[in-house]
Amino acid sequence: GGFACVVVVLGFAYFFVALSDTTERLERVGAALTVIGAGYIMGQLVVGKMKTAALYQGQAQASLAFYRSELQRQRDFHQGFWFWSRLIAFVPGPFIFCAGVAKANPGQAWPMTIEAVLVAVLLIAAIPMNGRLARKYQRELDESAG
C-alpha cells in the first residue's frame, strides 16, 4: 500500500508541476487533490505502524495480547471512520483530473472516460473488500478470545 501511494504521489505531483499553463487548471486541481488524498492514506499507514512499534517497544505485553491489539488495529483500519475517511479523501482527485484532461484535450475525452470508470469500479470494489478484511480480523479476534 505504501509503495502504491508513493507512486501515485510522485506521478500526480509531476502532473501538478508540469501542467503550469492556465488552460489546465482543472487538471492541476485534480492532480493536487490526488496527491493530498494519497498523502492522507500514507499518513494513516505510517501512524498505524508507529502505534504498533510503540506498543511493541513500550510495553512488555504477552504475545497473545500484542497479537490481539494488532488484529484490532487492522480491523479498525479496514472499517468505519478510517476506511471512509481514506475513500472520501482520495475520490475527488482522480475524477477531477480526468475531467480536466478531457476538457483540455477533447481527443482524450473517451480514454479519460474509460479511466474514470475504471477508477470508480476499483473504488466501489474497495468497499466490500475492506469489509471482508475487517470481518476476517474480527473472526481472528473472536477465535483468540476463546
N, C-alpha and C. Protein backbone atom coordinates (compact mmCIF):
# COMPACT_ATOMS: atom_id res chain seq x y z
N GLY A 1 0.81 -1.20 0.00
CA GLY A 1 0.00 0.00 0.00
C GLY A 1 0.85 1.26 0.00
N GLY A 2 1.89 1.23 0.81
CA GLY A 2 2.75 2.41 0.90
C GLY A 2 3.46 2.70 -0.41
N PHE A 3 3.94 1.65 -1.08
CA PHE A 3 4.63 1.83 -2.36
C PHE A 3 3.67 2.41 -3.40
N ALA A 4 2.45 1.89 -3.44
CA ALA A 4 1.45 2.41 -4.39
C ALA A 4 1.17 3.88 -4.13
N CYS A 5 1.08 4.26 -2.86
CA CYS A 5 0.84 5.67 -2.52
C CYS A 5 2.00 6.54 -2.98
N VAL A 6 3.23 6.07 -2.80
CA VAL A 6 4.40 6.85 -3.24
C VAL A 6 4.36 7.04 -4.75
N VAL A 7 4.02 5.99 -5.50
CA VAL A 7 3.94 6.10 -6.96
C VAL A 7 2.86 7.11 -7.36
N VAL A 8 1.70 7.04 -6.72
CA VAL A 8 0.61 7.98 -7.03
C VAL A 8 1.03 9.40 -6.68
N VAL A 9 1.62 9.61 -5.52
CA VAL A 9 2.04 10.95 -5.11
C VAL A 9 3.07 11.50 -6.10
N LEU A 10 4.07 10.72 -6.43
CA LEU A 10 5.10 11.21 -7.36
C LEU A 10 4.54 11.47 -8.75
N GLY A 11 3.71 10.56 -9.25
CA GLY A 11 3.14 10.72 -10.58
C GLY A 11 2.25 11.95 -10.69
N PHE A 12 1.35 12.12 -9.74
CA PHE A 12 0.44 13.26 -9.81
C PHE A 12 1.12 14.57 -9.41
N ALA A 13 2.16 14.50 -8.57
CA ALA A 13 2.94 15.71 -8.27
C ALA A 13 3.64 16.20 -9.54
N TYR A 14 4.12 15.25 -10.35
CA TYR A 14 4.72 15.62 -11.63
C TYR A 14 3.71 16.34 -12.52
N PHE A 15 2.50 15.78 -12.62
CA PHE A 15 1.47 16.44 -13.44
C PHE A 15 1.16 17.83 -12.89
N PHE A 16 1.09 17.96 -11.58
CA PHE A 16 0.79 19.26 -10.99
C PHE A 16 1.86 20.28 -11.37
N VAL A 17 3.11 19.90 -11.32
CA VAL A 17 4.20 20.82 -11.65
C VAL A 17 4.30 21.05 -13.16
N ALA A 18 4.15 19.99 -13.93
CA ALA A 18 4.34 20.09 -15.39
C ALA A 18 3.20 20.85 -16.07
N LEU A 19 2.02 20.84 -15.48
CA LEU A 19 0.87 21.50 -16.11
C LEU A 19 0.73 22.92 -15.56
N SER A 20 1.62 23.78 -15.98
CA SER A 20 1.61 25.14 -15.45
C SER A 20 0.77 26.11 -16.26
N ASP A 21 0.35 25.71 -17.45
CA ASP A 21 -0.47 26.56 -18.30
C ASP A 21 -1.86 26.74 -17.66
N THR A 22 -2.42 27.91 -17.74
CA THR A 22 -3.71 28.18 -17.11
C THR A 22 -4.86 27.40 -17.74
N THR A 23 -4.68 26.88 -18.96
CA THR A 23 -5.77 26.12 -19.57
C THR A 23 -5.96 24.76 -18.91
N GLU A 24 -4.97 24.31 -18.14
CA GLU A 24 -5.07 23.01 -17.48
C GLU A 24 -5.34 23.14 -15.99
N ARG A 25 -6.03 24.18 -15.57
CA ARG A 25 -6.29 24.38 -14.14
C ARG A 25 -7.02 23.20 -13.51
N LEU A 26 -8.03 22.69 -14.20
CA LEU A 26 -8.80 21.58 -13.66
C LEU A 26 -7.92 20.35 -13.48
N GLU A 27 -7.04 20.12 -14.43
CA GLU A 27 -6.09 19.00 -14.30
C GLU A 27 -5.20 19.19 -13.08
N ARG A 28 -4.70 20.41 -12.89
CA ARG A 28 -3.82 20.69 -11.75
C ARG A 28 -4.56 20.52 -10.44
N VAL A 29 -5.80 20.97 -10.37
CA VAL A 29 -6.59 20.79 -9.15
C VAL A 29 -6.78 19.30 -8.87
N GLY A 30 -7.12 18.54 -9.90
CA GLY A 30 -7.29 17.09 -9.75
C GLY A 30 -6.00 16.42 -9.31
N ALA A 31 -4.89 16.83 -9.90
CA ALA A 31 -3.59 16.26 -9.52
C ALA A 31 -3.27 16.60 -8.07
N ALA A 32 -3.51 17.85 -7.67
CA ALA A 32 -3.23 18.24 -6.28
C ALA A 32 -4.11 17.48 -5.30
N LEU A 33 -5.39 17.34 -5.62
CA LEU A 33 -6.29 16.60 -4.73
C LEU A 33 -5.90 15.12 -4.64
N THR A 34 -5.42 14.56 -5.74
CA THR A 34 -4.98 13.17 -5.72
C THR A 34 -3.74 13.02 -4.85
N VAL A 35 -2.81 13.96 -4.94
CA VAL A 35 -1.61 13.93 -4.09
C VAL A 35 -2.02 14.04 -2.62
N ILE A 36 -2.94 14.93 -2.31
CA ILE A 36 -3.40 15.11 -0.93
C ILE A 36 -4.07 13.82 -0.44
N GLY A 37 -4.94 13.24 -1.26
CA GLY A 37 -5.62 12.00 -0.87
C GLY A 37 -4.66 10.85 -0.65
N ALA A 38 -3.71 10.67 -1.56
CA ALA A 38 -2.72 9.59 -1.39
C ALA A 38 -1.82 9.88 -0.20
N GLY A 39 -1.50 11.15 0.03
CA GLY A 39 -0.71 11.51 1.21
C GLY A 39 -1.45 11.19 2.50
N TYR A 40 -2.75 11.41 2.50
CA TYR A 40 -3.57 11.08 3.68
C TYR A 40 -3.55 9.58 3.95
N ILE A 41 -3.66 8.79 2.89
CA ILE A 41 -3.59 7.33 3.04
C ILE A 41 -2.22 6.92 3.57
N MET A 42 -1.16 7.52 3.03
CA MET A 42 0.19 7.21 3.52
C MET A 42 0.32 7.58 4.99
N GLY A 43 -0.27 8.70 5.38
CA GLY A 43 -0.23 9.11 6.78
C GLY A 43 -0.90 8.09 7.68
N GLN A 44 -2.03 7.56 7.25
CA GLN A 44 -2.71 6.53 8.04
C GLN A 44 -1.84 5.28 8.16
N LEU A 45 -1.18 4.90 7.08
CA LEU A 45 -0.31 3.73 7.13
C LEU A 45 0.85 3.95 8.09
N VAL A 46 1.46 5.13 8.03
CA VAL A 46 2.61 5.43 8.89
C VAL A 46 2.19 5.49 10.36
N VAL A 47 1.08 6.18 10.64
CA VAL A 47 0.61 6.30 12.03
C VAL A 47 0.29 4.92 12.59
N GLY A 48 -0.34 4.07 11.79
CA GLY A 48 -0.65 2.72 12.25
C GLY A 48 0.61 1.93 12.59
N LYS A 49 1.62 2.03 11.75
CA LYS A 49 2.88 1.33 12.01
C LYS A 49 3.58 1.91 13.23
N MET A 50 3.51 3.22 13.41
CA MET A 50 4.14 3.83 14.58
C MET A 50 3.47 3.38 15.87
N LYS A 51 2.14 3.27 15.84
CA LYS A 51 1.42 2.79 17.02
C LYS A 51 1.82 1.36 17.36
N THR A 52 1.97 0.55 16.33
CA THR A 52 2.38 -0.84 16.55
C THR A 52 3.78 -0.89 17.13
N ALA A 53 4.69 -0.10 16.58
CA ALA A 53 6.07 -0.09 17.07
C ALA A 53 6.13 0.40 18.51
N ALA A 54 5.36 1.45 18.84
CA ALA A 54 5.35 1.97 20.20
C ALA A 54 4.77 0.94 21.17
N LEU A 55 3.74 0.26 20.74
CA LEU A 55 3.13 -0.76 21.58
C LEU A 55 4.10 -1.91 21.82
N TYR A 56 4.81 -2.29 20.78
CA TYR A 56 5.74 -3.41 20.88
C TYR A 56 6.92 -3.06 21.78
N GLN A 57 7.45 -1.83 21.64
CA GLN A 57 8.64 -1.45 22.39
C GLN A 57 8.31 -0.88 23.76
N GLY A 58 7.16 -0.23 23.90
CA GLY A 58 6.86 0.48 25.12
C GLY A 58 6.26 -0.36 26.23
N GLN A 59 5.73 -1.51 25.90
CA GLN A 59 5.08 -2.33 26.91
C GLN A 59 5.53 -3.77 26.76
N ALA A 60 5.70 -4.41 27.88
CA ALA A 60 6.08 -5.82 27.86
C ALA A 60 4.80 -6.65 27.92
N GLN A 61 4.08 -6.68 26.79
CA GLN A 61 2.83 -7.43 26.74
C GLN A 61 3.11 -8.88 26.39
N ALA A 62 2.22 -9.71 26.82
CA ALA A 62 2.29 -11.11 26.40
C ALA A 62 2.03 -11.18 24.90
N SER A 63 2.52 -12.20 24.28
CA SER A 63 2.38 -12.33 22.82
C SER A 63 0.93 -12.30 22.37
N LEU A 64 0.06 -12.97 23.08
CA LEU A 64 -1.35 -13.00 22.68
C LEU A 64 -1.99 -11.62 22.77
N ALA A 65 -1.67 -10.88 23.81
CA ALA A 65 -2.23 -9.53 23.95
C ALA A 65 -1.75 -8.61 22.83
N PHE A 66 -0.48 -8.74 22.47
CA PHE A 66 0.04 -7.93 21.37
C PHE A 66 -0.63 -8.32 20.06
N TYR A 67 -0.77 -9.62 19.83
CA TYR A 67 -1.42 -10.12 18.63
C TYR A 67 -2.85 -9.58 18.53
N ARG A 68 -3.57 -9.62 19.64
CA ARG A 68 -4.95 -9.12 19.65
C ARG A 68 -4.99 -7.62 19.36
N SER A 69 -4.08 -6.86 19.93
CA SER A 69 -4.08 -5.42 19.68
C SER A 69 -3.78 -5.11 18.21
N GLU A 70 -2.91 -5.91 17.61
CA GLU A 70 -2.60 -5.72 16.19
C GLU A 70 -3.81 -6.09 15.33
N LEU A 71 -4.51 -7.16 15.68
CA LEU A 71 -5.73 -7.53 14.94
C LEU A 71 -6.78 -6.42 15.06
N GLN A 72 -6.91 -5.82 16.23
CA GLN A 72 -7.88 -4.74 16.42
C GLN A 72 -7.51 -3.53 15.56
N ARG A 73 -6.22 -3.23 15.51
CA ARG A 73 -5.76 -2.09 14.70
C ARG A 73 -6.06 -2.35 13.23
N GLN A 74 -5.78 -3.56 12.76
CA GLN A 74 -6.05 -3.90 11.37
C GLN A 74 -7.55 -3.86 11.07
N ARG A 75 -8.34 -4.40 11.98
CA ARG A 75 -9.80 -4.40 11.78
C ARG A 75 -10.30 -2.96 11.67
N ASP A 76 -9.86 -2.11 12.58
CA ASP A 76 -10.30 -0.72 12.57
C ASP A 76 -9.83 0.03 11.32
N PHE A 77 -8.66 -0.34 10.81
CA PHE A 77 -8.13 0.29 9.60
C PHE A 77 -9.04 0.01 8.40
N HIS A 78 -9.67 -1.16 8.38
CA HIS A 78 -10.47 -1.58 7.23
C HIS A 78 -11.96 -1.32 7.37
N GLN A 79 -12.36 -0.60 8.39
CA GLN A 79 -13.80 -0.32 8.55
C GLN A 79 -13.99 1.04 9.23
N GLY A 80 -15.20 1.49 9.23
CA GLY A 80 -15.56 2.69 9.97
C GLY A 80 -14.87 3.95 9.49
N PHE A 81 -14.58 4.83 10.43
CA PHE A 81 -14.04 6.15 10.13
C PHE A 81 -12.77 6.09 9.29
N TRP A 82 -11.82 5.24 9.66
CA TRP A 82 -10.54 5.23 8.95
C TRP A 82 -10.71 4.84 7.49
N PHE A 83 -11.53 3.85 7.22
CA PHE A 83 -11.75 3.44 5.82
C PHE A 83 -12.47 4.54 5.05
N TRP A 84 -13.58 5.04 5.58
CA TRP A 84 -14.38 6.02 4.84
C TRP A 84 -13.63 7.34 4.68
N SER A 85 -12.82 7.72 5.66
CA SER A 85 -12.06 8.97 5.51
C SER A 85 -11.03 8.83 4.38
N ARG A 86 -10.40 7.65 4.26
CA ARG A 86 -9.48 7.43 3.15
C ARG A 86 -10.20 7.52 1.82
N LEU A 87 -11.34 6.89 1.72
CA LEU A 87 -12.10 6.89 0.48
C LEU A 87 -12.52 8.31 0.10
N ILE A 88 -13.06 9.04 1.06
CA ILE A 88 -13.53 10.41 0.80
C ILE A 88 -12.37 11.33 0.44
N ALA A 89 -11.22 11.14 1.09
CA ALA A 89 -10.06 12.00 0.80
C ALA A 89 -9.50 11.74 -0.59
N PHE A 90 -9.61 10.50 -1.07
CA PHE A 90 -8.98 10.15 -2.34
C PHE A 90 -9.88 10.34 -3.55
N VAL A 91 -11.16 10.11 -3.39
CA VAL A 91 -12.09 10.03 -4.54
C VAL A 91 -12.09 11.25 -5.46
N PRO A 92 -12.19 12.48 -4.98
CA PRO A 92 -12.36 13.59 -5.93
C PRO A 92 -11.19 13.79 -6.89
N GLY A 93 -9.97 13.62 -6.43
CA GLY A 93 -8.79 13.94 -7.24
C GLY A 93 -8.75 13.28 -8.60
N PRO A 94 -8.79 11.95 -8.68
CA PRO A 94 -8.68 11.32 -10.00
C PRO A 94 -9.81 11.71 -10.96
N PHE A 95 -11.03 11.90 -10.43
CA PHE A 95 -12.16 12.26 -11.30
C PHE A 95 -12.02 13.68 -11.83
N ILE A 96 -11.58 14.59 -10.98
CA ILE A 96 -11.37 15.98 -11.43
C ILE A 96 -10.22 16.02 -12.43
N PHE A 97 -9.17 15.24 -12.17
CA PHE A 97 -8.05 15.18 -13.10
C PHE A 97 -8.51 14.68 -14.47
N CYS A 98 -9.28 13.60 -14.50
CA CYS A 98 -9.78 13.05 -15.78
C CYS A 98 -10.65 14.07 -16.51
N ALA A 99 -11.50 14.78 -15.76
CA ALA A 99 -12.35 15.80 -16.37
C ALA A 99 -11.50 16.93 -16.95
N GLY A 100 -10.46 17.30 -16.23
CA GLY A 100 -9.57 18.36 -16.72
C GLY A 100 -8.83 17.96 -17.98
N VAL A 101 -8.34 16.73 -18.02
CA VAL A 101 -7.65 16.25 -19.23
C VAL A 101 -8.62 16.23 -20.41
N ALA A 102 -9.84 15.72 -20.18
CA ALA A 102 -10.83 15.65 -21.25
C ALA A 102 -11.22 17.04 -21.76
N LYS A 103 -11.31 18.00 -20.83
CA LYS A 103 -11.68 19.36 -21.23
C LYS A 103 -10.55 20.03 -22.02
N ALA A 104 -9.32 19.86 -21.56
CA ALA A 104 -8.19 20.50 -22.23
C ALA A 104 -7.84 19.81 -23.55
N ASN A 105 -8.11 18.52 -23.64
CA ASN A 105 -7.76 17.74 -24.84
C ASN A 105 -8.99 16.94 -25.26
N PRO A 106 -9.88 17.52 -26.05
CA PRO A 106 -11.11 16.82 -26.44
C PRO A 106 -10.88 15.45 -27.07
N GLY A 107 -9.75 15.25 -27.71
CA GLY A 107 -9.42 13.95 -28.30
C GLY A 107 -9.17 12.88 -27.25
N GLN A 108 -8.91 13.30 -26.03
CA GLN A 108 -8.66 12.36 -24.92
C GLN A 108 -9.90 12.11 -24.07
N ALA A 109 -11.04 12.65 -24.48
CA ALA A 109 -12.25 12.52 -23.66
C ALA A 109 -12.66 11.06 -23.47
N TRP A 110 -12.62 10.28 -24.54
CA TRP A 110 -13.03 8.87 -24.43
C TRP A 110 -12.07 8.07 -23.54
N PRO A 111 -10.74 8.16 -23.74
CA PRO A 111 -9.84 7.43 -22.83
C PRO A 111 -9.98 7.89 -21.37
N MET A 112 -10.21 9.17 -21.16
CA MET A 112 -10.37 9.65 -19.78
C MET A 112 -11.67 9.14 -19.17
N THR A 113 -12.72 9.00 -19.99
CA THR A 113 -13.97 8.43 -19.50
C THR A 113 -13.77 6.99 -19.07
N ILE A 114 -13.03 6.24 -19.89
CA ILE A 114 -12.74 4.84 -19.55
C ILE A 114 -11.91 4.78 -18.26
N GLU A 115 -10.93 5.66 -18.15
CA GLU A 115 -10.10 5.69 -16.94
C GLU A 115 -10.94 6.03 -15.71
N ALA A 116 -11.83 6.99 -15.83
CA ALA A 116 -12.69 7.37 -14.70
C ALA A 116 -13.60 6.21 -14.31
N VAL A 117 -14.12 5.49 -15.28
CA VAL A 117 -14.97 4.33 -14.98
C VAL A 117 -14.16 3.26 -14.27
N LEU A 118 -12.93 3.01 -14.73
CA LEU A 118 -12.09 2.01 -14.06
C LEU A 118 -11.76 2.41 -12.63
N VAL A 119 -11.47 3.69 -12.41
CA VAL A 119 -11.22 4.17 -11.05
C VAL A 119 -12.46 3.97 -10.19
N ALA A 120 -13.63 4.29 -10.75
CA ALA A 120 -14.88 4.11 -10.00
C ALA A 120 -15.11 2.64 -9.64
N VAL A 121 -14.84 1.75 -10.58
CA VAL A 121 -15.02 0.31 -10.33
C VAL A 121 -14.08 -0.14 -9.20
N LEU A 122 -12.82 0.31 -9.26
CA LEU A 122 -11.86 -0.07 -8.21
C LEU A 122 -12.27 0.49 -6.85
N LEU A 123 -12.74 1.73 -6.83
CA LEU A 123 -13.16 2.32 -5.56
C LEU A 123 -14.39 1.62 -4.99
N ILE A 124 -15.32 1.27 -5.86
CA ILE A 124 -16.51 0.55 -5.42
C ILE A 124 -16.12 -0.85 -4.92
N ALA A 125 -15.18 -1.49 -5.62
CA ALA A 125 -14.72 -2.82 -5.21
C ALA A 125 -14.00 -2.76 -3.86
N ALA A 126 -13.40 -1.62 -3.54
CA ALA A 126 -12.69 -1.49 -2.26
C ALA A 126 -13.63 -1.59 -1.07
N ILE A 127 -14.90 -1.23 -1.25
CA ILE A 127 -15.84 -1.24 -0.13
C ILE A 127 -16.07 -2.66 0.39
N PRO A 128 -16.53 -3.61 -0.45
CA PRO A 128 -16.71 -4.96 0.08
C PRO A 128 -15.40 -5.65 0.45
N MET A 129 -14.33 -5.33 -0.29
CA MET A 129 -13.04 -5.95 0.02
C MET A 129 -12.58 -5.58 1.44
N ASN A 130 -12.67 -4.30 1.77
CA ASN A 130 -12.28 -3.87 3.11
C ASN A 130 -13.23 -4.42 4.17
N GLY A 131 -14.51 -4.54 3.83
CA GLY A 131 -15.47 -5.14 4.76
C GLY A 131 -15.11 -6.58 5.06
N ARG A 132 -14.73 -7.32 4.02
CA ARG A 132 -14.32 -8.73 4.23
C ARG A 132 -13.08 -8.81 5.11
N LEU A 133 -12.12 -7.93 4.86
CA LEU A 133 -10.91 -7.95 5.68
C LEU A 133 -11.23 -7.62 7.13
N ALA A 134 -12.09 -6.64 7.36
CA ALA A 134 -12.47 -6.28 8.73
C ALA A 134 -13.15 -7.46 9.42
N ARG A 135 -14.04 -8.15 8.69
CA ARG A 135 -14.72 -9.33 9.28
C ARG A 135 -13.72 -10.45 9.56
N LYS A 136 -12.74 -10.62 8.68
CA LYS A 136 -11.71 -11.64 8.88
C LYS A 136 -10.93 -11.36 10.16
N TYR A 137 -10.54 -10.10 10.35
CA TYR A 137 -9.80 -9.75 11.57
C TYR A 137 -10.68 -9.92 12.81
N GLN A 138 -11.97 -9.61 12.68
CA GLN A 138 -12.87 -9.79 13.81
C GLN A 138 -13.00 -11.28 14.16
N ARG A 139 -13.08 -12.14 13.14
CA ARG A 139 -13.15 -13.59 13.41
C ARG A 139 -11.90 -14.07 14.13
N GLU A 140 -10.73 -13.58 13.69
CA GLU A 140 -9.48 -13.95 14.35
C GLU A 140 -9.47 -13.45 15.79
N LEU A 141 -10.00 -12.26 16.02
CA LEU A 141 -10.10 -11.74 17.39
C LEU A 141 -11.00 -12.63 18.23
N ASP A 142 -12.14 -13.01 17.67
CA ASP A 142 -13.08 -13.86 18.39
C ASP A 142 -12.44 -15.21 18.71
N GLU A 143 -11.70 -15.78 17.76
CA GLU A 143 -11.04 -17.07 17.98
C GLU A 143 -9.95 -16.98 19.04
N SER A 144 -9.23 -15.86 19.05
CA SER A 144 -8.14 -15.72 20.04
C SER A 144 -8.67 -15.44 21.44
N ALA A 145 -9.92 -15.00 21.53
CA ALA A 145 -10.52 -14.74 22.84
C ALA A 145 -10.94 -16.03 23.54
N GLY A 146 -11.23 -17.04 22.73
CA GLY A 146 -11.75 -18.29 23.29
C GLY A 146 -10.73 -19.23 23.77
